[in-house]
């Protein structure tokens, strides 16, 4: 089960109605923050999400409306007494940006592990304390380079589902009961001089959960295959009307209908629009531009929640 909360749905600058870009994922008590625009801490405080146990912060790009809230959040986490390392992921160049922002956060109680993502898959395993990088884990994170006015990446999060334990298969392969649990969790075992593999006790692969987050960008073709068959796609809709396409092209953003067309082509299950221009006071009045193309669409609201579960 994966819980998601939109912490901010605005673009450009915060308004009384909307905080800036941020979303929070929660899986087994482990939290992943996506972007950290101005007002993110306020929204987290209202939603009572807590600050201390964020394991990973994923930054799409370093425009102010996506990262200005980061220094304050890092300071708050330090003040909470955290000692476990925290991972920050972002596009190439993110190390320099984060280290620059840290000038105003000189004292921290924990280490930062900053990863400049270059399209490789990052796997994380859940432990009691943290999410740790591993060869194969429960959470896989992939990125896609977008087309914006600064280096920017989209994120796809896959919650991998372990195949069911197959008792008949374990007995047939004469696997000792003492190591069933270890093999079921996906690790090989050397037991009494023989190596046993998870495949000797596990059944068929099972479909996991896919969550995709795309902002800020022009609607480039590669996005479709990247977000394909997502359970939910959070996508920017900076402009509502089709008449605003020229403005979207100039500023390297998308309209509602362009986001909806991506969702339709990618066969996602649900589309949630976000990153609304400050000039768009009521995004709901333009939702028909998206619904006419992709019916299962919602207008994102600050602190809107969604729970994704594994299919039976």
C-alpha atoms as a PDB file:
ATOM      1  CA  UNK A   1       0.000   0.000   0.000  1.00  0.00           C
ATOM      2  CA  UNK A   2       1.323   3.438  -0.993  1.00  0.00           C
ATOM      3  CA  UNK A   3      -0.101   6.656   0.478  1.00  0.00           C
ATOM      4  CA  UNK A   4       0.313   9.962  -1.342  1.00  0.00           C
ATOM      5  CA  UNK A   5      -0.481  13.516  -0.270  1.00  0.00           C
ATOM      6  CA  UNK A   6      -0.150  16.597  -2.459  1.00  0.00           C
ATOM      7  CA  UNK A   7       1.421  19.274  -0.266  1.00  0.00           C
ATOM      8  CA  UNK A   8       1.445  22.069  -2.833  1.00  0.00           C
ATOM      9  CA  UNK A   9      -0.140  22.492  -6.257  1.00  0.00           C
ATOM     10  CA  UNK A  10       0.939  25.979  -7.285  1.00  0.00           C
ATOM     11  CA  UNK A  11       3.530  27.122  -9.774  1.00  0.00           C
ATOM     12  CA  UNK A  12       5.622  30.276  -9.890  1.00  0.00           C
ATOM     13  CA  UNK A  13       4.764  31.796  -6.530  1.00  0.00           C
ATOM     14  CA  UNK A  14       2.595  30.780  -3.557  1.00  0.00           C
ATOM     15  CA  UNK A  15      -0.907  32.196  -3.205  1.00  0.00           C
ATOM     16  CA  UNK A  16      -3.303  32.264  -0.248  1.00  0.00           C
ATOM     17  CA  UNK A  17      -5.048  29.259  -1.823  1.00  0.00           C
ATOM     18  CA  UNK A  18      -2.055  27.182  -2.951  1.00  0.00           C
ATOM     19  CA  UNK A  19       1.412  26.317  -1.704  1.00  0.00           C
ATOM     20  CA  UNK A  20       4.158  25.562  -4.203  1.00  0.00           C
ATOM     21  CA  UNK A  21       5.101  22.193  -5.673  1.00  0.00           C
ATOM     22  CA  UNK A  22       5.548  19.285  -3.276  1.00  0.00           C
ATOM     23  CA  UNK A  23       4.153  15.802  -2.730  1.00  0.00           C
ATOM     24  CA  UNK A  24       4.815  13.183  -0.067  1.00  0.00           C
ATOM     25  CA  UNK A  25       4.797   9.394  -0.456  1.00  0.00           C
ATOM     26  CA  UNK A  26       4.497   7.035   2.500  1.00  0.00           C
ATOM     27  CA  UNK A  27       5.323   3.333   2.188  1.00  0.00           C
ATOM     28  CA  UNK A  28       5.545   1.183   5.317  1.00  0.00           C
ATOM     29  CA  UNK A  29       6.225   4.278   7.390  1.00  0.00           C
ATOM     30  CA  UNK A  30       9.060   5.417   5.109  1.00  0.00           C
ATOM     31  CA  UNK A  31       8.561   8.827   3.512  1.00  0.00           C
ATOM     32  CA  UNK A  32       9.715  10.190   0.154  1.00  0.00           C
ATOM     33  CA  UNK A  33       9.269  13.917  -0.488  1.00  0.00           C
ATOM     34  CA  UNK A  34       9.048  15.101  -4.100  1.00  0.00           C
ATOM     35  CA  UNK A  35      10.061  18.752  -4.501  1.00  0.00           C
ATOM     36  CA  UNK A  36      10.052  21.295  -1.703  1.00  0.00           C
ATOM     37  CA  UNK A  37       8.637  24.618  -2.802  1.00  0.00           C
ATOM     38  CA  UNK A  38       7.990  27.559  -0.513  1.00  0.00           C
ATOM     39  CA  UNK A  39       5.320  26.679   2.052  1.00  0.00           C
ATOM     40  CA  UNK A  40       6.016  22.940   2.067  1.00  0.00           C
ATOM     41  CA  UNK A  41       6.673  22.900   5.809  1.00  0.00           C
ATOM     42  CA  UNK A  42       3.450  24.797   6.495  1.00  0.00           C
ATOM     43  CA  UNK A  43       1.460  22.273   4.468  1.00  0.00           C
ATOM     44  CA  UNK A  44       3.206  19.373   6.226  1.00  0.00           C
ATOM     45  CA  UNK A  45       2.375  20.918   9.575  1.00  0.00           C
ATOM     46  CA  UNK A  46      -1.299  21.273   8.638  1.00  0.00           C
ATOM     47  CA  UNK A  47      -1.378  17.671   7.366  1.00  0.00           C
ATOM     48  CA  UNK A  48       0.523  16.449  10.464  1.00  0.00           C
ATOM     49  CA  UNK A  49       2.884  14.338   8.375  1.00  0.00           C
ATOM     50  CA  UNK A  50       5.905  14.838  10.628  1.00  0.00           C
ATOM     51  CA  UNK A  51       9.367  15.913   9.494  1.00  0.00           C
ATOM     52  CA  UNK A  52      11.924  13.678  11.189  1.00  0.00           C
ATOM     53  CA  UNK A  53      11.406  10.426   9.285  1.00  0.00           C
ATOM     54  CA  UNK A  54      11.736  11.597   5.671  1.00  0.00           C
ATOM     55  CA  UNK A  55      14.145   9.133   4.045  1.00  0.00           C
ATOM     56  CA  UNK A  56      14.477  10.537   0.516  1.00  0.00           C
ATOM     57  CA  UNK A  57      13.907  13.953  -1.068  1.00  0.00           C
ATOM     58  CA  UNK A  58      13.492  13.909  -4.862  1.00  0.00           C
ATOM     59  CA  UNK A  59      13.979  17.282  -6.564  1.00  0.00           C
ATOM     60  CA  UNK A  60      12.735  17.699 -10.146  1.00  0.00           C
ATOM     61  CA  UNK A  61      14.786  20.880 -10.764  1.00  0.00           C
ATOM     62  CA  UNK A  62      16.139  23.892  -8.923  1.00  0.00           C
ATOM     63  CA  UNK A  63      13.723  26.630  -9.896  1.00  0.00           C
ATOM     64  CA  UNK A  64      12.669  28.435  -6.737  1.00  0.00           C
ATOM     65  CA  UNK A  65       9.072  27.194  -6.726  1.00  0.00           C
ATOM     66  CA  UNK A  66      10.399  23.635  -6.400  1.00  0.00           C
ATOM     67  CA  UNK A  67      13.329  23.974  -4.001  1.00  0.00           C
ATOM     68  CA  UNK A  68      13.211  27.196  -1.956  1.00  0.00           C
ATOM     69  CA  UNK A  69      11.583  25.366   0.968  1.00  0.00           C
ATOM     70  CA  UNK A  70      14.485  22.886   1.229  1.00  0.00           C
ATOM     71  CA  UNK A  71      16.930  24.764   3.521  1.00  0.00           C
ATOM     72  CA  UNK A  72      14.260  25.387   6.146  1.00  0.00           C
ATOM     73  CA  UNK A  73      13.105  21.770   6.009  1.00  0.00           C
ATOM     74  CA  UNK A  74      16.662  20.452   6.413  1.00  0.00           C
ATOM     75  CA  UNK A  75      17.070  22.700   9.464  1.00  0.00           C
ATOM     76  CA  UNK A  76      13.773  21.510  10.963  1.00  0.00           C
ATOM     77  CA  UNK A  77      14.786  17.880  10.476  1.00  0.00           C
ATOM     78  CA  UNK A  78      18.101  18.597  12.230  1.00  0.00           C
ATOM     79  CA  UNK A  79      16.287  20.316  15.090  1.00  0.00           C
ATOM     80  CA  UNK A  80      14.129  17.204  15.489  1.00  0.00           C
ATOM     81  CA  UNK A  81      17.254  15.248  16.472  1.00  0.00           C
ATOM     82  CA  UNK A  82      17.564  13.048  13.423  1.00  0.00           C
ATOM     83  CA  UNK A  83      20.853  11.162  13.142  1.00  0.00           C
ATOM     84  CA  UNK A  84      20.158   8.755  10.229  1.00  0.00           C
ATOM     85  CA  UNK A  85      21.486   9.821   6.784  1.00  0.00           C
ATOM     86  CA  UNK A  86      19.054  11.466   4.380  1.00  0.00           C
ATOM     87  CA  UNK A  87      19.200  10.978   0.598  1.00  0.00           C
ATOM     88  CA  UNK A  88      18.559  13.778  -1.896  1.00  0.00           C
ATOM     89  CA  UNK A  89      18.086  12.866  -5.568  1.00  0.00           C
ATOM     90  CA  UNK A  90      18.015  15.372  -8.419  1.00  0.00           C
ATOM     91  CA  UNK A  91      19.245  16.177 -11.923  1.00  0.00           C
ATOM     92  CA  UNK A  92      22.915  16.654 -12.749  1.00  0.00           C
ATOM     93  CA  UNK A  93      24.032  19.790 -10.918  1.00  0.00           C
ATOM     94  CA  UNK A  94      21.883  19.241  -7.819  1.00  0.00           C
ATOM     95  CA  UNK A  95      24.944  18.747  -5.564  1.00  0.00           C
ATOM     96  CA  UNK A  96      26.208  22.259  -6.196  1.00  0.00           C
ATOM     97  CA  UNK A  97      22.749  23.747  -5.677  1.00  0.00           C
ATOM     98  CA  UNK A  98      22.058  21.907  -2.411  1.00  0.00           C
ATOM     99  CA  UNK A  99      25.518  22.673  -1.041  1.00  0.00           C
ATOM    100  CA  UNK A 100      24.905  26.331  -1.869  1.00  0.00           C
ATOM    101  CA  UNK A 101      21.590  26.320  -0.016  1.00  0.00           C
ATOM    102  CA  UNK A 102      23.270  24.689   2.969  1.00  0.00           C
ATOM    103  CA  UNK A 103      25.208  27.884   3.667  1.00  0.00           C
ATOM    104  CA  UNK A 104      22.201  28.971   5.727  1.00  0.00           C
ATOM    105  CA  UNK A 105      21.963  25.535   7.388  1.00  0.00           C
ATOM    106  CA  UNK A 106      25.535  25.151   8.709  1.00  0.00           C
ATOM    107  CA  UNK A 107      24.785  22.754  11.572  1.00  0.00           C
ATOM    108  CA  UNK A 108      23.164  19.396  10.842  1.00  0.00           C
ATOM    109  CA  UNK A 109      22.845  16.275  12.980  1.00  0.00           C
ATOM    110  CA  UNK A 110      22.780  13.893  10.024  1.00  0.00           C
ATOM    111  CA  UNK A 111      24.633  13.281   6.765  1.00  0.00           C
ATOM    112  CA  UNK A 112      23.271  14.121   3.319  1.00  0.00           C
ATOM    113  CA  UNK A 113      23.733  11.607   0.518  1.00  0.00           C
ATOM    114  CA  UNK A 114      23.226  13.607  -2.699  1.00  0.00           C
ATOM    115  CA  UNK A 115      22.689  11.612  -5.907  1.00  0.00           C
ATOM    116  CA  UNK A 116      22.795  13.227  -9.353  1.00  0.00           C
ATOM    117  CA  UNK A 117      20.520  10.909 -11.288  1.00  0.00           C
ATOM    118  CA  UNK A 118      21.606   9.858 -14.765  1.00  0.00           C
ATOM    119  CA  UNK A 119      18.711   7.631 -15.887  1.00  0.00           C
ATOM    120  CA  UNK A 120      19.876   4.546 -13.979  1.00  0.00           C
ATOM    121  CA  UNK A 121      17.443   2.643 -11.759  1.00  0.00           C
ATOM    122  CA  UNK A 122      17.887   3.245  -8.039  1.00  0.00           C
ATOM    123  CA  UNK A 123      16.632   0.440  -5.796  1.00  0.00           C
ATOM    124  CA  UNK A 124      15.878   0.895  -2.121  1.00  0.00           C
ATOM    125  CA  UNK A 125      15.274  -1.736   0.557  1.00  0.00           C
ATOM    126  CA  UNK A 126      13.135  -0.983   3.617  1.00  0.00           C
ATOM    127  CA  UNK A 127      14.838  -1.403   6.988  1.00  0.00           C
ATOM    128  CA  UNK A 128      13.548  -0.508  10.425  1.00  0.00           C
ATOM    129  CA  UNK A 129      15.531   2.752  10.393  1.00  0.00           C
ATOM    130  CA  UNK A 130      15.762   3.888   6.780  1.00  0.00           C
ATOM    131  CA  UNK A 131      15.494   3.224   3.048  1.00  0.00           C
ATOM    132  CA  UNK A 132      18.862   1.908   1.897  1.00  0.00           C
ATOM    133  CA  UNK A 133      20.299   1.657  -1.610  1.00  0.00           C
ATOM    134  CA  UNK A 134      20.523  -1.979  -2.739  1.00  0.00           C
ATOM    135  CA  UNK A 135      20.937  -4.104  -5.854  1.00  0.00           C
ATOM    136  CA  UNK A 136      17.275  -5.045  -5.761  1.00  0.00           C
ATOM    137  CA  UNK A 137      14.739  -3.563  -3.407  1.00  0.00           C
ATOM    138  CA  UNK A 138      11.091  -2.959  -2.659  1.00  0.00           C
ATOM    139  CA  UNK A 139      11.147   0.542  -4.164  1.00  0.00           C
ATOM    140  CA  UNK A 140      12.667   1.353  -7.558  1.00  0.00           C
ATOM    141  CA  UNK A 141      13.119   4.951  -8.702  1.00  0.00           C
ATOM    142  CA  UNK A 142      13.616   5.900 -12.356  1.00  0.00           C
ATOM    143  CA  UNK A 143      13.963   9.326 -13.927  1.00  0.00           C
ATOM    144  CA  UNK A 144      13.486  10.916 -17.338  1.00  0.00           C
ATOM    145  CA  UNK A 145      15.124  14.102 -18.613  1.00  0.00           C
ATOM    146  CA  UNK A 146      12.458  16.644 -19.524  1.00  0.00           C
ATOM    147  CA  UNK A 147      12.472  19.774 -21.674  1.00  0.00           C
ATOM    148  CA  UNK A 148      12.336  22.863 -19.487  1.00  0.00           C
ATOM    149  CA  UNK A 149      14.308  26.088 -19.036  1.00  0.00           C
ATOM    150  CA  UNK A 150      16.559  24.343 -16.465  1.00  0.00           C
ATOM    151  CA  UNK A 151      17.732  20.719 -16.166  1.00  0.00           C
ATOM    152  CA  UNK A 152      14.610  18.900 -15.020  1.00  0.00           C
ATOM    153  CA  UNK A 153      13.644  15.267 -14.465  1.00  0.00           C
ATOM    154  CA  UNK A 154      10.422  13.312 -14.078  1.00  0.00           C
ATOM    155  CA  UNK A 155      10.152  10.479 -11.550  1.00  0.00           C
ATOM    156  CA  UNK A 156       8.570   7.034 -11.724  1.00  0.00           C
ATOM    157  CA  UNK A 157       8.325   5.090  -8.479  1.00  0.00           C
ATOM    158  CA  UNK A 158       7.716   1.356  -8.653  1.00  0.00           C
ATOM    159  CA  UNK A 159       6.690  -0.492  -5.504  1.00  0.00           C
ATOM    160  CA  UNK A 160       7.850  -3.995  -6.294  1.00  0.00           C
ATOM    161  CA  UNK A 161       5.735  -6.878  -5.065  1.00  0.00           C
ATOM    162  CA  UNK A 162       7.390 -10.077  -3.889  1.00  0.00           C
ATOM    163  CA  UNK A 163       5.934 -13.227  -5.496  1.00  0.00           C
ATOM    164  CA  UNK A 164       3.918 -15.481  -3.226  1.00  0.00           C
ATOM    165  CA  UNK A 165       5.656 -18.264  -1.325  1.00  0.00           C
ATOM    166  CA  UNK A 166       5.004 -21.580  -3.115  1.00  0.00           C
ATOM    167  CA  UNK A 167       4.997 -24.427  -0.576  1.00  0.00           C
ATOM    168  CA  UNK A 168       4.768 -27.137  -3.216  1.00  0.00           C
ATOM    169  CA  UNK A 169       7.758 -25.699  -5.047  1.00  0.00           C
ATOM    170  CA  UNK A 170       9.829 -25.419  -1.846  1.00  0.00           C
ATOM    171  CA  UNK A 171       9.130 -29.051  -0.924  1.00  0.00           C
ATOM    172  CA  UNK A 172       9.814 -30.276  -4.446  1.00  0.00           C
ATOM    173  CA  UNK A 173      13.212 -28.505  -4.436  1.00  0.00           C
ATOM    174  CA  UNK A 174      13.958 -29.892  -0.951  1.00  0.00           C
ATOM    175  CA  UNK A 175      14.630 -26.445   0.492  1.00  0.00           C
ATOM    176  CA  UNK A 176      15.215 -26.557   4.278  1.00  0.00           C
ATOM    177  CA  UNK A 177      12.453 -24.880   6.275  1.00  0.00           C
ATOM    178  CA  UNK A 178      15.043 -22.917   8.261  1.00  0.00           C
ATOM    179  CA  UNK A 179      15.729 -20.623   5.272  1.00  0.00           C
ATOM    180  CA  UNK A 180      12.248 -20.296   3.748  1.00  0.00           C
ATOM    181  CA  UNK A 181      11.689 -16.836   5.207  1.00  0.00           C
ATOM    182  CA  UNK A 182      15.014 -15.462   3.956  1.00  0.00           C
ATOM    183  CA  UNK A 183      14.420 -16.790   0.446  1.00  0.00           C
ATOM    184  CA  UNK A 184      10.868 -15.428   0.450  1.00  0.00           C
ATOM    185  CA  UNK A 185      12.301 -11.943   1.077  1.00  0.00           C
ATOM    186  CA  UNK A 186      14.377 -12.226  -2.102  1.00  0.00           C
ATOM    187  CA  UNK A 187      17.849 -13.085  -0.788  1.00  0.00           C
ATOM    188  CA  UNK A 188      20.027 -16.062  -1.766  1.00  0.00           C
ATOM    189  CA  UNK A 189      21.251 -18.292   1.068  1.00  0.00           C
ATOM    190  CA  UNK A 190      24.333 -20.452   1.509  1.00  0.00           C
ATOM    191  CA  UNK A 191      23.087 -23.141   3.885  1.00  0.00           C
ATOM    192  CA  UNK A 192      25.209 -26.135   4.914  1.00  0.00           C
ATOM    193  CA  UNK A 193      27.467 -25.764   1.894  1.00  0.00           C
ATOM    194  CA  UNK A 194      24.706 -25.340  -0.720  1.00  0.00           C
ATOM    195  CA  UNK A 195      23.427 -22.121  -2.282  1.00  0.00           C
ATOM    196  CA  UNK A 196      19.642 -21.750  -2.475  1.00  0.00           C
ATOM    197  CA  UNK A 197      17.916 -19.140  -4.654  1.00  0.00           C
ATOM    198  CA  UNK A 198      14.574 -17.336  -4.063  1.00  0.00           C
ATOM    199  CA  UNK A 199      13.232 -18.800  -7.313  1.00  0.00           C
ATOM    200  CA  UNK A 200      13.241 -22.245  -5.624  1.00  0.00           C
ATOM    201  CA  UNK A 201      10.438 -21.212  -3.240  1.00  0.00           C
ATOM    202  CA  UNK A 202       8.623 -18.367  -5.018  1.00  0.00           C
ATOM    203  CA  UNK A 203       5.737 -18.475  -7.462  1.00  0.00           C
ATOM    204  CA  UNK A 204       4.975 -16.203 -10.438  1.00  0.00           C
ATOM    205  CA  UNK A 205       5.821 -12.511 -10.499  1.00  0.00           C
ATOM    206  CA  UNK A 206       3.054 -10.189  -9.267  1.00  0.00           C
ATOM    207  CA  UNK A 207       2.251  -6.691 -10.492  1.00  0.00           C
ATOM    208  CA  UNK A 208       3.326  -3.893  -8.167  1.00  0.00           C
ATOM    209  CA  UNK A 209       2.352  -0.221  -7.920  1.00  0.00           C
ATOM    210  CA  UNK A 210       3.577   2.509 -10.270  1.00  0.00           C
ATOM    211  CA  UNK A 211       3.417   6.188  -9.345  1.00  0.00           C
ATOM    212  CA  UNK A 212       4.666   8.850 -11.784  1.00  0.00           C
ATOM    213  CA  UNK A 213       5.357  12.551 -11.263  1.00  0.00           C
ATOM    214  CA  UNK A 214       5.963  14.886 -14.223  1.00  0.00           C
ATOM    215  CA  UNK A 215       6.651  18.641 -13.916  1.00  0.00           C
ATOM    216  CA  UNK A 216       7.878  21.109 -15.457  1.00  0.00           C
ATOM    217  CA  UNK A 217       8.166  20.403 -19.172  1.00  0.00           C
ATOM    218  CA  UNK A 218       6.937  20.594 -22.699  1.00  0.00           C
ATOM    219  CA  UNK A 219       4.948  17.455 -23.700  1.00  0.00           C
ATOM    220  CA  UNK A 220       7.867  15.502 -25.201  1.00  0.00           C
ATOM    221  CA  UNK A 221       7.224  12.060 -26.715  1.00  0.00           C
ATOM    222  CA  UNK A 222       9.407  10.124 -24.237  1.00  0.00           C
ATOM    223  CA  UNK A 223       7.040  10.900 -21.376  1.00  0.00           C
ATOM    224  CA  UNK A 224       4.423   8.471 -22.724  1.00  0.00           C
ATOM    225  CA  UNK A 225       6.575   5.335 -22.456  1.00  0.00           C
ATOM    226  CA  UNK A 226       8.083   6.550 -19.177  1.00  0.00           C
ATOM    227  CA  UNK A 227       4.733   6.845 -17.352  1.00  0.00           C
ATOM    228  CA  UNK A 228       3.051   3.971 -19.226  1.00  0.00           C
ATOM    229  CA  UNK A 229       0.418   2.102 -17.197  1.00  0.00           C
ATOM    230  CA  UNK A 230       0.992   4.132 -14.049  1.00  0.00           C
ATOM    231  CA  UNK A 231      -1.593   3.618 -11.350  1.00  0.00           C
ATOM    232  CA  UNK A 232      -1.585   7.395 -11.003  1.00  0.00           C
ATOM    233  CA  UNK A 233       0.154  10.138 -12.951  1.00  0.00           C
ATOM    234  CA  UNK A 234       0.689  13.481 -11.237  1.00  0.00           C
ATOM    235  CA  UNK A 235       1.301  15.868 -14.125  1.00  0.00           C
ATOM    236  CA  UNK A 236       1.731  19.574 -14.526  1.00  0.00           C
ATOM    237  CA  UNK A 237      -1.120  21.581 -16.016  1.00  0.00           C
ATOM    238  CA  UNK A 238       0.285  25.075 -15.759  1.00  0.00           C
ATOM    239  CA  UNK A 239      -2.275  26.383 -18.239  1.00  0.00           C
ATOM    240  CA  UNK A 240      -5.915  25.316 -18.455  1.00  0.00           C
ATOM    241  CA  UNK A 241      -7.167  26.580 -21.815  1.00  0.00           C
ATOM    242  CA  UNK A 242      -6.074  25.334 -25.220  1.00  0.00           C
ATOM    243  CA  UNK A 243      -5.744  28.995 -26.209  1.00  0.00           C
ATOM    244  CA  UNK A 244      -2.738  29.147 -23.879  1.00  0.00           C
ATOM    245  CA  UNK A 245      -0.641  26.681 -25.910  1.00  0.00           C
ATOM    246  CA  UNK A 246       1.617  29.409 -27.317  1.00  0.00           C
ATOM    247  CA  UNK A 247       2.250  30.668 -23.787  1.00  0.00           C
ATOM    248  CA  UNK A 248       2.964  27.101 -22.652  1.00  0.00           C
ATOM    249  CA  UNK A 249       5.469  26.594 -25.460  1.00  0.00           C
ATOM    250  CA  UNK A 250       7.212  29.889 -24.658  1.00  0.00           C
ATOM    251  CA  UNK A 251       7.585  29.011 -20.959  1.00  0.00           C
ATOM    252  CA  UNK A 252       8.144  25.271 -21.571  1.00  0.00           C
ATOM    253  CA  UNK A 253       5.076  24.027 -19.727  1.00  0.00           C
ATOM    254  CA  UNK A 254       1.876  22.126 -20.568  1.00  0.00           C
ATOM    255  CA  UNK A 255      -1.849  22.731 -20.886  1.00  0.00           C
ATOM    256  CA  UNK A 256      -4.562  20.507 -19.406  1.00  0.00           C
ATOM    257  CA  UNK A 257      -5.301  18.899 -22.766  1.00  0.00           C
ATOM    258  CA  UNK A 258      -1.623  18.102 -23.415  1.00  0.00           C
ATOM    259  CA  UNK A 259      -1.325  16.385 -20.036  1.00  0.00           C
ATOM    260  CA  UNK A 260      -4.541  14.462 -20.716  1.00  0.00           C
ATOM    261  CA  UNK A 261      -3.276  13.275 -24.102  1.00  0.00           C
ATOM    262  CA  UNK A 262      -0.143  11.876 -22.448  1.00  0.00           C
ATOM    263  CA  UNK A 263      -2.321  10.050 -19.897  1.00  0.00           C
ATOM    264  CA  UNK A 264      -4.479   8.585 -22.664  1.00  0.00           C
ATOM    265  CA  UNK A 265      -1.553   7.423 -24.813  1.00  0.00           C
ATOM    266  CA  UNK A 266       0.251   5.977 -21.777  1.00  0.00           C
ATOM    267  CA  UNK A 267      -2.875   4.099 -20.601  1.00  0.00           C
ATOM    268  CA  UNK A 268      -2.511   5.332 -17.038  1.00  0.00           C
ATOM    269  CA  UNK A 269      -5.316   4.547 -14.629  1.00  0.00           C
ATOM    270  CA  UNK A 270      -5.719   8.039 -13.204  1.00  0.00           C
ATOM    271  CA  UNK A 271      -4.451  11.552 -13.914  1.00  0.00           C
ATOM    272  CA  UNK A 272      -4.081  14.277 -11.287  1.00  0.00           C
ATOM    273  CA  UNK A 273      -3.216  17.772 -12.491  1.00  0.00           C
ATOM    274  CA  UNK A 274      -0.986  20.136 -10.524  1.00  0.00           C
ATOM    275  CA  UNK A 275       1.419  23.137 -10.822  1.00  0.00           C
ATOM    276  CA  UNK A 276      -1.237  25.699 -11.703  1.00  0.00           C
ATOM    277  CA  UNK A 277      -0.306  29.172 -12.908  1.00  0.00           C
ATOM    278  CA  UNK A 278      -0.980  32.006 -10.458  1.00  0.00           C
ATOM    279  CA  UNK A 279      -3.206  33.517 -13.153  1.00  0.00           C
ATOM    280  CA  UNK A 280      -5.530  30.493 -12.921  1.00  0.00           C
ATOM    281  CA  UNK A 281      -7.653  31.163  -9.847  1.00  0.00           C
ATOM    282  CA  UNK A 282     -10.053  28.258 -10.398  1.00  0.00           C
ATOM    283  CA  UNK A 283      -8.570  25.296 -12.318  1.00  0.00           C
ATOM    284  CA  UNK A 284     -11.861  23.394 -12.024  1.00  0.00           C
ATOM    285  CA  UNK A 285     -13.486  25.645 -14.632  1.00  0.00           C
ATOM    286  CA  UNK A 286     -11.050  24.321 -17.247  1.00  0.00           C
ATOM    287  CA  UNK A 287     -11.151  20.610 -16.370  1.00  0.00           C
ATOM    288  CA  UNK A 288     -13.300  19.850 -19.413  1.00  0.00           C
ATOM    289  CA  UNK A 289     -10.249  20.463 -21.620  1.00  0.00           C
ATOM    290  CA  UNK A 290      -8.713  17.371 -19.996  1.00  0.00           C
ATOM    291  CA  UNK A 291     -11.874  15.302 -19.426  1.00  0.00           C
ATOM    292  CA  UNK A 292     -12.812  15.396 -23.110  1.00  0.00           C
ATOM    293  CA  UNK A 293      -9.562  13.503 -23.796  1.00  0.00           C
ATOM    294  CA  UNK A 294      -9.041  11.463 -20.612  1.00  0.00           C
ATOM    295  CA  UNK A 295     -12.138  11.121 -18.384  1.00  0.00           C
ATOM    296  CA  UNK A 296     -10.447   9.862 -15.196  1.00  0.00           C
ATOM    297  CA  UNK A 297      -8.799  13.155 -14.264  1.00  0.00           C
ATOM    298  CA  UNK A 298      -8.795  15.243 -11.090  1.00  0.00           C
ATOM    299  CA  UNK A 299      -7.737  18.754 -10.237  1.00  0.00           C
ATOM    300  CA  UNK A 300      -5.091  18.520  -7.546  1.00  0.00           C
ATOM    301  CA  UNK A 301      -5.732  20.387  -4.312  1.00  0.00           C
ATOM    302  CA  UNK A 302      -3.317  21.123  -1.489  1.00  0.00           C
ATOM    303  CA  UNK A 303      -3.329  18.176   0.947  1.00  0.00           C
ATOM    304  CA  UNK A 304      -5.403  15.956  -1.332  1.00  0.00           C
ATOM    305  CA  UNK A 305      -4.648  12.324  -0.475  1.00  0.00           C
ATOM    306  CA  UNK A 306      -4.650   9.090  -2.434  1.00  0.00           C
ATOM    307  CA  UNK A 307      -4.001   5.485  -1.376  1.00  0.00           C
ATOM    308  CA  UNK A 308      -2.761   2.967  -3.956  1.00  0.00           C
ATOM    309  CA  UNK A 309      -3.058  -0.724  -3.169  1.00  0.00           C
ATOM    310  CA  UNK A 310      -1.761  -3.887  -4.790  1.00  0.00           C
ATOM    311  CA  UNK A 311      -4.254  -5.607  -7.066  1.00  0.00           C
ATOM    312  CA  UNK A 312      -5.431  -8.979  -5.818  1.00  0.00           C
END
